[in-house]
Protein backbone atom coordinates (compact mmCIF):
# COMPACT_ATOMS: atom_id res chain seq x y z
CA UNK A 1 17.39 13.30 -12.30
CA UNK A 2 16.17 14.81 -9.14
CA UNK A 3 12.80 13.04 -8.78
CA UNK A 4 11.03 10.44 -9.74
CA UNK A 5 7.90 9.27 -9.44
CA UNK A 6 6.61 5.74 -9.86
CA UNK A 7 3.33 4.41 -10.89
CA UNK A 8 2.64 0.34 -10.99
CA UNK A 9 -0.96 -0.49 -12.58
CA UNK A 10 -3.29 -3.43 -13.39
CA UNK A 11 -6.23 -3.21 -15.71
CA UNK A 12 -7.42 -0.06 -14.24
CA UNK A 13 -6.78 2.19 -17.27
CA UNK A 14 -9.92 4.43 -16.71
CA UNK A 15 -8.64 5.41 -12.91
CA UNK A 16 -5.48 5.88 -14.67
CA UNK A 17 -6.40 7.83 -16.85
CA UNK A 18 -7.67 10.80 -15.23
CA UNK A 19 -4.60 10.44 -12.54
CA UNK A 20 -2.64 11.10 -15.29
CA UNK A 21 -4.59 14.01 -16.44
CA UNK A 22 -4.18 15.69 -12.29
CA UNK A 23 -0.36 14.93 -12.56
CA UNK A 24 -0.51 17.05 -15.96
CA UNK A 25 -1.64 20.29 -13.15
CA UNK A 26 1.69 19.36 -11.08
CA UNK A 27 3.00 22.98 -10.22
CA UNK A 28 6.82 22.08 -11.04
CA UNK A 29 9.79 24.65 -10.78
CA UNK A 30 11.87 24.38 -14.10
CA UNK A 31 15.00 23.83 -11.68
CA UNK A 32 13.04 20.52 -10.75
CA UNK A 33 14.10 17.55 -12.88
CA UNK A 34 11.74 14.57 -12.42
CA UNK A 35 10.05 11.52 -14.22
CA UNK A 36 6.99 9.54 -14.32
CA UNK A 37 7.48 5.83 -14.56
CA UNK A 38 4.02 3.95 -15.19
CA UNK A 39 5.07 0.26 -15.06
CA UNK A 40 2.60 -2.24 -16.81
CA UNK A 41 1.29 -4.99 -14.37
CA UNK A 42 0.15 -7.76 -17.44
CA UNK A 43 -2.52 -4.95 -18.14
CA UNK A 44 -5.44 -6.24 -20.80
CA UNK A 45 -7.29 -3.56 -20.89
CA UNK A 46 -6.03 0.21 -22.60
CA UNK A 47 -3.43 0.81 -20.22
CA UNK A 48 -0.53 1.32 -23.08
CA UNK A 49 -2.87 3.89 -25.32
CA UNK A 50 -3.70 5.36 -22.24
CA UNK A 51 0.09 6.15 -21.06
CA UNK A 52 1.14 6.90 -24.82
CA UNK A 53 -1.89 9.17 -25.51
CA UNK A 54 0.37 11.92 -22.68
CA UNK A 55 3.42 11.06 -24.40
CA UNK A 56 4.86 15.27 -24.55
CA UNK A 57 2.44 15.94 -22.00
CA UNK A 58 4.32 14.40 -18.90
CA UNK A 59 7.45 12.88 -18.76
CA UNK A 60 6.57 9.75 -18.67
CA UNK A 61 7.98 6.36 -19.56
CA UNK A 62 6.18 3.19 -19.85
CA UNK A 63 7.68 -0.32 -18.60
CA UNK A 64 5.93 -3.55 -18.76
CA UNK A 65 6.59 -6.11 -16.38
CA UNK A 66 5.31 -10.04 -17.20
CA UNK A 67 6.00 -10.92 -13.72
CA UNK A 68 2.54 -10.38 -11.45
CA UNK A 69 2.45 -8.59 -8.22
CA UNK A 70 2.35 -5.05 -7.30
CA UNK A 71 5.52 -5.41 -5.06
CA UNK A 72 7.38 -6.65 -8.32
CA UNK A 73 6.30 -3.96 -10.52
CA UNK A 74 7.11 -1.56 -7.64
CA UNK A 75 11.28 -3.17 -7.90
CA UNK A 76 11.07 -3.07 -11.71
CA UNK A 77 9.86 0.79 -11.83
CA UNK A 78 12.65 0.89 -9.34
CA UNK A 79 15.05 -0.05 -11.28
CA UNK A 80 14.70 1.96 -14.12
CA UNK A 81 14.48 5.14 -12.23
CA UNK A 82 16.90 7.40 -12.15
CA UNK A 83 15.75 10.17 -9.33
CA UNK A 84 17.57 11.02 -6.48
CA UNK A 85 14.29 11.21 -4.58
CA UNK A 86 11.37 8.72 -5.14
CA UNK A 87 8.09 9.09 -4.60
CA UNK A 88 5.46 6.18 -4.53
CA UNK A 89 1.59 6.53 -5.36
CA UNK A 90 -1.05 4.98 -6.83
CA UNK A 91 -3.17 4.70 -10.71
CA UNK A 92 -6.24 6.57 -8.79
CA UNK A 93 -5.15 9.12 -7.04
CA UNK A 94 -5.65 13.38 -7.22
CA UNK A 95 -2.26 15.13 -5.86
CA UNK A 96 -2.96 18.28 -4.87
CA UNK A 97 -0.68 21.02 -7.46
CA UNK A 98 2.12 21.11 -5.02
CA UNK A 99 2.42 17.57 -3.90
CA UNK A 100 5.94 17.11 -6.02
CA UNK A 101 7.57 20.32 -5.17
CA UNK A 102 6.50 19.81 -1.26
CA UNK A 103 8.13 16.28 -1.25
CA UNK A 104 11.62 17.88 -3.27
CA UNK A 105 11.75 21.02 -1.13
CA UNK A 106 11.46 18.72 2.39
CA UNK A 107 13.98 16.52 1.17
CA UNK A 108 16.39 19.25 -0.38
CA UNK A 109 16.44 21.11 3.06
CA UNK A 110 16.64 18.46 5.42
CA UNK A 111 20.12 17.12 6.30
CA UNK A 112 19.48 13.43 8.20
CA UNK A 113 18.07 9.92 7.60
CA UNK A 114 14.72 10.37 6.52
CA UNK A 115 11.61 8.82 4.52
CA UNK A 116 8.45 11.16 4.04
CA UNK A 117 4.53 11.07 3.66
CA UNK A 118 1.59 13.10 3.37
CA UNK A 119 -2.24 13.34 4.15
CA UNK A 120 -4.51 10.84 2.14
CA UNK A 121 -7.80 12.23 1.28
CA UNK A 122 -10.28 9.31 0.75
CA UNK A 123 -12.31 10.06 -2.38
CA UNK A 124 -15.42 7.91 -2.43
CA UNK A 125 -17.12 6.60 -5.14
CA UNK A 126 -20.44 6.40 -2.86
CA UNK A 127 -21.65 7.48 0.15
CA UNK A 128 -19.01 7.11 3.20
CA UNK A 129 -19.19 3.71 4.75
CA UNK A 130 -20.85 3.04 7.75
CA UNK A 131 -18.88 4.07 10.74
CA UNK A 132 -18.51 0.63 12.29
CA UNK A 133 -17.13 -0.56 9.31
CA UNK A 134 -14.85 2.52 9.02
CA UNK A 135 -13.32 1.81 12.26
CA UNK A 136 -12.00 -1.52 10.64
CA UNK A 137 -11.26 -0.12 7.48
CA UNK A 138 -7.42 0.25 6.31
CA UNK A 139 -5.78 3.08 5.09
CA UNK A 140 -6.70 2.48 1.46
CA UNK A 141 -10.00 3.33 2.37
CA UNK A 142 -10.22 5.39 5.50
CA UNK A 143 -6.93 7.39 4.60
CA UNK A 144 -4.65 8.98 6.81
CA UNK A 145 -4.45 12.59 8.50
CA UNK A 146 -1.85 13.72 11.50
CA UNK A 147 -3.08 17.25 11.20
CA UNK A 148 -1.55 20.33 9.99
CA UNK A 149 2.16 20.33 11.39
CA UNK A 150 5.44 18.78 10.21
CA UNK A 151 6.02 16.21 12.82
CA UNK A 152 8.28 13.04 12.62
CA UNK A 153 5.94 9.88 13.01
CA UNK A 154 6.65 7.37 15.95
CA UNK A 155 7.69 3.46 15.20
CA UNK A 156 4.34 2.29 15.37
CA UNK A 157 2.89 4.33 12.23
CA UNK A 158 3.71 3.85 8.71
CA UNK A 159 2.52 5.67 5.48
CA UNK A 160 -0.20 4.58 2.86
CA UNK A 161 1.22 3.11 0.03
CA UNK A 162 -0.14 5.57 -2.50
CA UNK A 163 1.61 8.40 -1.14
CA UNK A 164 5.10 8.34 0.47
CA UNK A 165 8.73 8.93 -0.67
CA UNK A 166 12.34 7.79 0.06
CA UNK A 167 15.39 8.80 -0.95
CA UNK A 168 16.96 6.25 -3.24
CA UNK A 169 20.55 5.74 -1.45
CA UNK A 170 18.21 4.61 1.27
CA UNK A 171 16.11 2.51 -0.72
CA UNK A 172 19.43 1.24 -2.19
CA UNK A 173 21.11 0.49 1.51
CA UNK A 174 17.63 -1.54 2.67
CA UNK A 175 16.95 -3.19 0.02
CA UNK A 176 13.81 -3.73 -2.23
CA UNK A 177 10.19 -4.83 -1.60
CA UNK A 178 9.46 -8.03 -0.59
CA UNK A 179 7.98 -10.01 -3.66
CA UNK A 180 6.07 -12.41 -1.48
CA UNK A 181 3.96 -9.64 0.06
CA UNK A 182 1.83 -7.24 -1.62
CA UNK A 183 -1.33 -7.44 -3.90
CA UNK A 184 -0.93 -10.27 -7.09
CA UNK A 185 -4.65 -11.23 -8.45
CA UNK A 186 -2.90 -14.61 -9.17
CA UNK A 187 -3.37 -14.82 -5.36
CA UNK A 188 -6.21 -16.03 -3.93
CA UNK A 189 -5.05 -15.19 -0.77
CA UNK A 190 -4.90 -11.61 -0.27
CA UNK A 191 -1.44 -10.24 0.94
CA UNK A 192 -0.24 -6.53 2.39
CA UNK A 193 2.51 -5.22 4.04
CA UNK A 194 5.10 -4.68 1.52
CA UNK A 195 5.45 -0.77 2.42
CA UNK A 196 5.53 -1.80 6.26
CA UNK A 197 8.01 -4.16 5.78
CA UNK A 198 10.28 -1.64 3.84
CA UNK A 199 9.53 1.10 6.02
CA UNK A 200 10.50 -0.97 9.38
CA UNK A 201 13.41 -2.30 7.31
CA UNK A 202 14.58 1.84 7.05
CA UNK A 203 13.83 2.54 10.45
CA UNK A 204 16.41 -0.48 11.46
CA UNK A 205 18.92 1.46 9.80
CA UNK A 206 18.55 4.62 11.49
CA UNK A 207 15.97 6.02 8.91
CA UNK A 208 13.00 8.19 10.69
CA UNK A 209 9.46 9.02 9.01
CA UNK A 210 8.28 12.94 8.18
CA UNK A 211 4.95 13.43 7.69
CA UNK A 212 4.30 16.52 5.29
CA UNK A 213 0.95 17.75 6.06
CA UNK A 214 1.52 20.36 2.37
CA UNK A 215 2.01 16.74 0.75
CA UNK A 216 -1.97 15.56 0.02
CA UNK A 217 -3.24 13.35 -2.58
CA UNK A 218 -6.82 12.91 -2.84
CA UNK A 219 -7.55 8.83 -3.57
CA UNK A 220 -9.83 7.26 -5.16
CA UNK A 221 -11.92 4.76 -3.18
CA UNK A 222 -14.58 2.34 -5.52
CA UNK A 223 -17.41 1.43 -4.07
CA UNK A 224 -16.66 -2.04 -4.31
CA UNK A 225 -13.75 -1.26 -1.44
CA UNK A 226 -16.10 -0.02 1.40
CA UNK A 227 -18.10 -3.33 1.45
CA UNK A 228 -17.82 -5.39 4.56
CA UNK A 229 -16.29 -8.25 2.43
CA UNK A 230 -13.58 -6.28 1.24
CA UNK A 231 -12.93 -4.92 4.63
CA UNK A 232 -12.66 -8.16 6.29
CA UNK A 233 -10.55 -9.27 3.55
CA UNK A 234 -7.99 -6.50 3.97
CA UNK A 235 -8.46 -7.36 7.99
CA UNK A 236 -7.53 -11.26 7.45
CA UNK A 237 -4.47 -10.16 5.36
CA UNK A 238 -3.36 -7.61 7.96
CA UNK A 239 -3.54 -10.54 10.23
CA UNK A 240 -1.95 -13.29 8.20
CA UNK A 241 0.88 -10.13 7.62
CA UNK A 242 1.11 -9.48 11.48
CA UNK A 243 1.17 -13.26 12.53
CA UNK A 244 3.52 -14.24 9.89
CA UNK A 245 6.13 -11.95 11.83
CA UNK A 246 4.76 -13.51 15.50
CA UNK A 247 5.45 -16.94 14.41
CA UNK A 248 8.59 -16.62 12.79
CA UNK A 249 10.92 -17.52 15.79
CA UNK A 250 8.27 -19.92 16.88
CA UNK A 251 9.37 -23.63 15.44
CA UNK A 252 5.86 -24.32 14.80
CA UNK A 253 5.50 -28.14 13.76
CA UNK A 254 1.89 -27.94 14.07
CA UNK A 255 -1.09 -25.36 14.07
CA UNK A 256 -2.23 -24.66 18.01
CA UNK A 257 -5.36 -26.05 19.42
CA UNK A 258 -6.12 -22.43 20.55
CA UNK A 259 -5.98 -21.69 17.42
CA UNK A 260 -8.91 -23.98 16.03
CA UNK A 261 -10.63 -23.14 19.32
CA UNK A 262 -10.90 -19.51 18.48
CA UNK A 263 -11.64 -20.29 14.69
CA UNK A 264 -14.84 -22.74 16.14
CA UNK A 265 -15.84 -20.01 18.31
CA UNK A 266 -15.86 -17.46 15.87
CA UNK A 267 -17.18 -18.90 13.35
CA UNK A 268 -20.72 -20.10 15.73
CA UNK A 269 -20.74 -16.77 17.11
CA UNK A 270 -20.70 -15.60 13.25
CA UNK A 271 -23.72 -18.20 12.43
CA UNK A 272 -25.66 -17.23 16.10
CA UNK A 273 -25.82 -13.57 14.89
CA UNK A 274 -26.93 -14.47 11.71
CA UNK A 275 -29.87 -16.70 12.69
CA UNK A 276 -31.47 -13.96 15.04
CA UNK A 277 -30.63 -11.07 12.45
CA UNK A 278 -28.24 -9.29 14.79
CA UNK A 279 -25.59 -6.79 13.13
CA UNK A 280 -22.69 -8.78 11.53
CA UNK A 281 -19.56 -6.58 11.63
CA UNK A 282 -17.88 -7.31 13.99
CA UNK A 283 -18.22 -11.11 14.43
CA UNK A 284 -17.43 -11.42 10.57
CA UNK A 285 -14.33 -9.30 10.64
CA UNK A 286 -13.08 -11.56 13.79
CA UNK A 287 -13.76 -14.44 11.96
CA UNK A 288 -11.51 -13.56 9.42
CA UNK A 289 -8.62 -12.10 11.46
CA UNK A 290 -8.60 -15.96 12.52
CA UNK A 291 -8.58 -16.96 9.76
CA UNK A 292 -5.14 -14.97 8.53
CA UNK A 293 -3.79 -16.16 11.92
CA UNK A 294 -4.05 -20.36 11.08
CA UNK A 295 -3.14 -19.74 7.23
CA UNK A 296 0.38 -17.72 8.60
CA UNK A 297 0.85 -20.42 10.68
CA UNK A 298 0.21 -23.38 8.45
CA UNK A 299 2.80 -21.63 6.20
CA UNK A 300 5.25 -20.85 8.98
CA UNK A 301 5.32 -25.12 9.14
CA UNK A 302 5.52 -25.23 5.43
CA UNK A 303 8.53 -23.07 5.97
CA UNK A 304 10.30 -24.45 9.23
CA UNK A 305 9.76 -28.11 6.94
CA UNK A 306 11.61 -26.62 3.49
CA UNK A 307 14.46 -25.27 5.82
CA UNK A 308 15.14 -27.79 7.76
């Protein structure tokens, strides 16, 4: 098999249906063999019925993963897949017709150790969010576009989970997604970073990221994800991910006092802005970022106590 496309999904059957319909419009040469693996991650909606309606229209395979978590679902899809090149995407995208061919062509022609990614254009359900809010929005909301040229990305840039690809042998070399990271509706504290972590491991093993401007997907962004609460929650999750790495090499036995001071100051500034009726975006997001740092410090202390 040349290409495997992996889509994890959880209770999103209506947008999944649209995505599968768009995938029917891919222009794939007959010489390219490919498969589409949809991982049902404990869905309670009509996901199975939607997927089965595309049997015979797409080279689709349906797999059920009962353990909750997007990273677990992606790993399950990887174990089931047989493609030489693995493309990761979401259940709410619209790829351009040349999307799959673009990935396969560059993979086939480029020698060297690469993983790949393309532009993600946000398709907002409602109006584009406030400019300041968009400044803080995660790539899953704001999208990503690095221009019209084929380029290697720097070590400080990462592709978005809705649109990237990696050779199977590279994934076998560096391992799978960390199941302690990634979205999981059973976890009240949102966690992110599973793709970033995996791409960091790829880089540590000599792989480089190659941006393909011709491999574009349009990513549906529902109105609920353009709210201050959603953006701030993701900012907290990102702060937690970064802080876990920062605190990993520090033998914490208590949460530093400066973090409590920062939390109090951020809370006080937020309350003052609320009282005087000022705009809250900066203050609220900073407060959530500090909460992410404290949560990371607490988890590191817990991990240190277990490892003693």
